[in-house]
Protein backbone atom coordinates (compact mmCIF):
# COMPACT_ATOMS: atom_id res chain seq x y z
CA MET A 1 67.80 98.15 152.64
CA ARG A 2 63.68 97.58 152.36
CA HIS A 3 62.75 95.97 149.21
CA SER A 4 59.16 96.91 148.23
CA HIS A 5 58.65 93.30 146.36
CA ILE A 6 59.10 89.98 147.96
CA ALA A 7 59.51 86.80 145.67
CA ILE A 8 58.43 83.61 147.70
CA ILE A 9 59.99 80.35 146.31
CA GLY A 10 59.06 76.86 147.46
CA ALA A 11 61.55 74.45 147.80
CA PRO A 12 59.56 71.30 148.67
CA LEU A 13 62.76 68.79 149.13
CA ASP A 14 62.84 66.12 151.70
CA LEU A 15 65.66 64.03 150.00
CA GLY A 16 68.31 65.43 152.66
CA ALA A 17 66.37 64.27 155.65
CA GLY A 18 65.97 61.06 157.50
CA ARG A 19 62.08 61.97 158.43
CA ARG A 20 59.66 62.46 155.66
CA GLY A 21 57.27 65.43 155.79
CA VAL A 22 59.03 68.42 155.33
CA ASP A 23 58.26 68.48 151.52
CA MET A 24 54.76 69.78 152.41
CA GLY A 25 56.36 72.42 154.67
CA PRO A 26 56.09 75.19 151.71
CA SER A 27 52.23 74.54 151.52
CA ALA A 28 51.71 74.66 155.14
CA VAL A 29 53.12 77.97 155.45
CA ARG A 30 51.24 79.41 152.38
CA VAL A 31 48.13 77.68 154.00
CA ALA A 32 48.86 79.88 156.91
CA ASN A 33 48.48 82.95 154.64
CA LEU A 34 51.93 84.12 154.54
CA ASN A 35 51.23 86.00 151.13
CA GLY A 36 48.29 87.87 152.26
CA ARG A 37 50.16 88.76 155.62
CA LEU A 38 53.11 89.90 154.08
CA ALA A 39 50.92 92.20 151.66
CA GLU A 40 49.24 93.43 154.59
CA LEU A 41 52.67 95.20 155.51
CA GLY A 42 52.72 96.95 152.32
CA TYR A 43 54.89 94.39 150.02
CA VAL A 44 53.89 93.51 146.61
CA VAL A 45 54.45 89.76 146.73
CA GLU A 46 55.19 87.46 143.82
CA ASP A 47 54.72 83.86 144.55
CA LEU A 48 57.11 82.02 142.00
CA GLY A 49 56.01 78.62 142.98
CA ASN A 50 57.90 75.79 143.85
CA VAL A 51 61.37 74.65 142.30
CA PRO A 52 60.71 71.08 140.87
CA VAL A 53 61.59 68.42 143.05
CA VAL A 54 61.70 64.66 142.42
CA GLN A 55 60.25 62.02 144.78
CA PRO A 56 62.43 59.75 146.79
CA GLU A 57 60.30 56.82 145.89
CA SER A 58 61.39 57.14 142.17
CA GLN A 59 64.94 57.67 143.09
CA PRO A 60 67.94 55.32 143.88
CA GLU A 61 69.23 56.43 147.57
CA GLY A 62 72.80 56.45 146.04
CA GLN A 63 75.94 56.46 148.09
CA PRO A 64 75.04 56.04 151.72
CA GLN A 65 77.55 58.82 152.88
CA ALA A 66 75.52 61.43 151.07
CA LYS A 67 72.09 60.20 150.21
CA TYR A 68 70.51 61.48 146.65
CA LEU A 69 73.47 63.79 146.41
CA PRO A 70 72.69 64.07 142.43
CA GLN A 71 68.96 64.94 143.05
CA ILE A 72 69.68 67.47 145.91
CA THR A 73 72.40 69.03 143.72
CA GLU A 74 69.92 69.52 141.12
CA THR A 75 67.05 71.20 143.04
CA CYS A 76 69.96 73.26 144.57
CA VAL A 77 71.13 74.57 141.22
CA ARG A 78 67.59 75.30 140.16
CA LEU A 79 66.98 77.20 143.39
CA ALA A 80 70.14 79.15 142.97
CA GLU A 81 69.19 80.38 139.86
CA MET A 82 65.59 81.41 140.88
CA VAL A 83 67.34 83.16 143.81
CA GLU A 84 69.61 85.15 141.89
CA ARG A 85 67.30 86.27 139.13
CA ALA A 86 65.01 87.42 141.87
CA LEU A 87 67.86 89.48 143.18
CA ALA A 88 68.82 90.87 139.81
CA GLU A 89 64.86 92.11 139.48
CA ASP A 90 65.29 94.04 142.95
CA LYS A 91 63.30 91.43 144.81
CA PHE A 92 63.75 90.09 148.28
CA PRO A 93 63.87 86.18 147.93
CA LEU A 94 61.85 84.50 150.47
CA VAL A 95 62.33 80.73 150.39
CA LEU A 96 60.32 78.04 151.97
CA GLY A 97 61.61 74.79 152.64
CA GLY A 98 61.64 71.68 152.55
CA ASP A 99 64.77 70.38 154.40
CA HIS A 100 67.77 72.59 155.45
CA SER A 101 69.97 70.98 152.39
CA ILE A 102 68.10 73.47 150.34
CA ALA A 103 70.11 76.44 152.03
CA VAL A 104 72.96 75.65 149.61
CA GLY A 105 70.77 76.73 146.63
CA THR A 106 69.77 79.81 148.39
CA VAL A 107 72.89 80.87 149.60
CA SER A 108 74.45 80.01 146.29
CA GLY A 109 72.12 82.50 144.39
CA VAL A 110 72.81 85.32 147.15
CA SER A 111 76.47 85.03 147.13
CA LYS A 112 76.55 84.77 143.16
CA HIS A 113 74.47 88.26 142.82
CA VAL A 114 76.63 89.85 145.81
CA ARG A 115 79.98 88.51 144.12
CA ASP A 116 79.03 89.90 140.66
CA HIS A 117 78.47 93.36 142.45
CA ASP A 118 82.16 92.93 144.05
CA GLY A 119 80.48 92.36 147.31
CA LYS A 120 80.76 89.90 150.12
CA LEU A 121 78.11 88.00 152.03
CA GLY A 122 77.53 87.44 155.60
CA MET A 123 75.03 84.88 157.09
CA ILE A 124 73.28 84.29 160.09
CA TRP A 125 72.04 80.73 160.90
CA ILE A 126 69.54 80.04 163.49
CA ASP A 127 69.22 76.53 164.15
CA ALA A 128 69.41 73.79 166.75
CA HIS A 129 71.85 71.94 164.85
CA THR A 130 75.23 73.23 163.31
CA ASP A 131 74.76 71.43 160.09
CA MET A 132 78.57 71.11 159.35
CA ASN A 133 78.68 67.41 158.88
CA THR A 134 80.72 66.14 155.59
CA PRO A 135 80.14 62.77 153.88
CA GLY A 136 83.02 61.71 155.99
CA THR A 137 81.73 62.46 159.37
CA SER A 138 78.05 62.33 159.10
CA PRO A 139 76.49 59.62 160.96
CA SER A 140 73.61 59.17 158.78
CA GLY A 141 74.61 60.36 155.44
CA ASN A 142 71.54 62.62 155.62
CA VAL A 143 72.63 65.79 153.51
CA HIS A 144 70.49 68.20 155.49
CA GLY A 145 72.94 67.80 158.28
CA MET A 146 75.75 69.05 155.54
CA PRO A 147 74.56 72.42 154.25
CA LEU A 148 76.41 75.07 156.18
CA ALA A 149 79.76 73.08 155.65
CA CYS A 150 78.92 73.08 151.79
CA CYS A 151 78.29 77.26 151.99
CA ILE A 152 81.99 77.45 153.63
CA GLY A 153 83.32 75.19 151.16
CA ALA A 154 83.75 72.28 153.08
CA GLY A 155 81.24 69.81 151.60
CA PRO A 156 80.61 67.49 148.40
CA GLY A 157 82.13 69.16 145.34
CA GLU A 158 78.98 68.99 143.79
CA LEU A 159 77.17 71.48 146.29
CA THR A 160 80.31 73.28 147.10
CA ARG A 161 81.01 74.44 143.44
CA ILE A 162 77.65 75.71 142.40
CA PHE A 163 78.46 78.57 139.88
CA GLY A 164 82.08 77.36 139.79
CA TYR A 165 83.29 78.90 143.04
CA SER A 166 83.77 78.20 146.52
CA PRO A 167 83.18 79.07 149.32
CA LYS A 168 79.95 81.02 149.16
CA VAL A 169 80.58 82.54 152.41
CA ASP A 170 83.69 83.56 154.44
CA PRO A 171 83.31 81.57 157.55
CA ALA A 172 84.53 84.44 159.86
CA ASN A 173 81.20 86.32 158.55
CA VAL A 174 79.18 83.21 159.65
CA ALA A 175 77.24 83.17 163.10
CA LEU A 176 75.20 80.38 164.30
CA VAL A 177 72.58 80.80 166.94
CA GLY A 178 70.26 78.36 168.92
CA ILE A 179 72.99 75.47 168.82
CA ARG A 180 72.20 72.61 171.05
CA SER A 181 72.89 69.22 169.14
CA VAL A 182 75.98 68.39 167.54
CA ASP A 183 77.31 64.99 166.25
CA GLU A 184 80.66 63.84 167.90
CA LYS A 185 82.75 63.93 164.53
CA GLU A 186 80.81 67.06 163.53
CA ARG A 187 82.18 69.04 166.68
CA VAL A 188 85.80 68.97 165.25
CA ASN A 189 84.46 70.13 161.71
CA VAL A 190 82.85 73.38 163.84
CA GLN A 191 85.89 73.85 165.75
CA HIS A 192 88.24 74.14 163.06
CA SER A 193 85.96 75.99 160.91
CA GLY A 194 86.51 79.63 161.72
CA VAL A 195 82.39 80.33 162.09
CA HIS A 196 81.31 81.90 165.02
CA VAL A 197 78.73 79.65 167.31
CA PHE A 198 76.28 80.90 170.01
CA THR A 199 75.06 77.98 171.94
CA MET A 200 71.67 77.91 173.91
CA ARG A 201 74.31 78.31 176.94
CA ASP A 202 75.26 81.35 175.56
CA ILE A 203 71.62 82.41 175.14
CA ASP A 204 70.90 81.51 178.81
CA GLU A 205 73.91 83.29 180.11
CA ARG A 206 73.92 86.42 178.20
CA GLY A 207 70.38 86.97 176.70
CA LEU A 208 69.07 86.63 173.43
CA GLY A 209 69.39 90.35 172.63
CA PRO A 210 73.16 90.73 173.06
CA VAL A 211 73.79 87.36 171.16
CA ILE A 212 71.93 88.58 167.99
CA GLU A 213 73.55 91.83 168.28
CA GLU A 214 77.00 90.27 167.93
CA ALA A 215 75.61 87.66 165.35
CA ILE A 216 74.75 90.89 163.16
CA ARG A 217 78.00 92.42 163.77
CA ILE A 218 79.86 89.32 162.53
CA ALA A 219 77.68 88.91 159.62
CA SER A 220 77.84 92.73 158.66
CA SER A 221 81.83 92.93 159.14
CA GLY A 222 82.98 93.93 155.67
CA THR A 223 79.81 92.45 154.03
CA VAL A 224 77.40 94.16 152.11
CA GLY A 225 74.73 92.62 154.04
CA PHE A 226 73.69 89.05 155.36
CA HIS A 227 71.17 86.19 154.56
CA VAL A 228 69.03 84.73 157.12
CA SER A 229 68.38 80.85 157.28
CA LEU A 230 65.98 80.06 160.03
CA ASP A 231 65.42 76.44 160.96
CA MET A 232 62.18 76.22 162.85
CA ASP A 233 63.67 73.64 165.24
CA ALA A 234 65.58 76.48 166.73
CA VAL A 235 62.56 77.19 168.42
CA ASP A 236 61.54 75.18 171.32
CA PRO A 237 59.48 71.97 170.36
CA GLN A 238 56.81 73.50 172.84
CA GLU A 239 56.26 76.19 170.42
CA ALA A 240 57.37 74.74 167.29
CA PRO A 241 56.35 70.96 167.69
CA GLY A 242 55.96 70.32 163.92
CA VAL A 243 59.71 70.22 162.65
CA GLY A 244 62.11 67.87 160.95
CA THR A 245 64.54 66.94 164.15
CA PRO A 246 63.10 68.43 167.35
CA VAL A 247 65.37 69.24 170.17
CA ARG A 248 64.31 70.22 173.76
CA GLY A 249 65.54 73.40 175.22
CA GLY A 250 65.41 75.92 172.42
CA ILE A 251 64.86 79.35 172.02
CA THR A 252 61.20 80.87 173.25
CA TYR A 253 58.54 82.36 171.35
CA ARG A 254 59.49 86.13 172.23
CA GLU A 255 63.12 85.28 171.86
CA ALA A 256 62.31 84.25 168.18
CA HIS A 257 60.47 87.13 167.48
CA LEU A 258 63.01 89.50 169.23
CA ALA A 259 65.90 87.90 167.13
CA MET A 260 63.64 88.49 163.82
CA GLU A 261 62.72 92.38 165.01
CA THR A 262 66.40 93.06 165.51
CA LEU A 263 67.33 91.57 162.24
CA ASN A 264 65.07 93.69 160.64
CA ASP A 265 66.27 96.89 162.55
CA THR A 266 69.53 96.62 160.62
CA GLY A 267 68.23 97.25 157.20
CA LYS A 268 70.94 94.48 156.17
CA MET A 269 68.90 91.36 155.48
CA LEU A 270 69.35 90.49 151.94
CA SER A 271 67.50 87.62 151.72
CA MET A 272 65.86 84.66 154.22
CA GLU A 273 64.58 81.13 154.06
CA VAL A 274 62.56 79.22 156.50
CA VAL A 275 63.07 75.36 156.68
CA GLU A 276 61.98 72.29 158.05
CA VAL A 277 58.19 72.70 158.87
CA ASN A 278 57.05 69.15 159.14
CA PRO A 279 53.01 69.21 159.14
CA VAL A 280 52.91 65.45 159.68
CA ILE A 281 53.97 65.69 163.01
CA ASP A 282 52.48 69.19 163.76
CA GLU A 283 49.40 70.32 165.64
CA VAL A 284 46.92 71.85 163.53
CA ASN A 285 49.46 73.85 161.81
CA ARG A 286 51.25 75.51 164.63
CA THR A 287 54.60 75.43 163.65
CA ALA A 288 53.37 76.93 160.04
CA ILE A 289 51.64 79.76 161.59
CA LEU A 290 54.59 80.51 163.91
CA ALA A 291 57.09 80.57 160.74
CA VAL A 292 54.64 82.99 159.21
CA GLU A 293 54.48 84.95 162.58
CA LEU A 294 58.57 85.25 162.42
CA VAL A 295 58.73 86.07 158.97
CA LEU A 296 56.38 89.07 159.64
CA SER A 297 58.66 90.27 162.32
CA ALA A 298 61.55 89.86 160.22
CA MET A 299 59.92 91.82 157.31
CA GLY A 300 59.03 94.70 159.42
CA LYS A 301 55.87 94.17 161.58
CA ARG A 302 55.97 95.46 164.84
CA ILE A 303 53.90 95.66 168.08
CA LEU A 304 53.11 99.28 167.93
């Protein structure tokens, strides 16, 4: 289903990450002319600004197993409300991160809207990491390694029960694509979760096209549509150097565009977020520019 209106929401949060800088990601993507490029595709673009976020310098770190949890929860609740409101107004929510912990807010808002209309939500999570740690398994306590666990009901209650219910997405309708870095204890969480994981080996052996087609089938089975969560570290650092947690051996430039174009072909994408752009370690805004290009492919831009 193609929306004529896009609501852009910035979530400049870096409380969930170990490395600073992704709070500037939404600005970097906007500087790369996201709004204007989307308008050229024929969309009515409304930029709703940024969700208010506190600065870590002014806040206590809190419990070491889940650092800044109250502050991250507050931001995610605000974001969830904005996303739900955009969908209620028949606008496509496009969220700009920030670290990946903001996905709990985005997904909560989309899930609530779909649930209120007696529907079921699927999700395609494109990432170098599975993001399925919990406070009990995380080696760092950084919440940006936990958001997918929270979305399927396995994280801290403050995040899993936004809007009073959990899980936000059935694990059977979740597909992870591009995985190549998983913590040791986190691996057990993933194996017992019920989510479908496509590692870089799967992409190497099968090709990105068949993998993304299967991911779409999983996220679409019995659902009204799916949310797309794109962590820019899914793309190889040679193409996307400015990310929160770069890992060698990722998706290529053309594979990333193929994935976005194929997702658009389905007409079933309900919402999207792009996270972990870190201009502090980027090269002349290359990663933000690529993020804009990938969003455009996801929203319908074609070669011909």
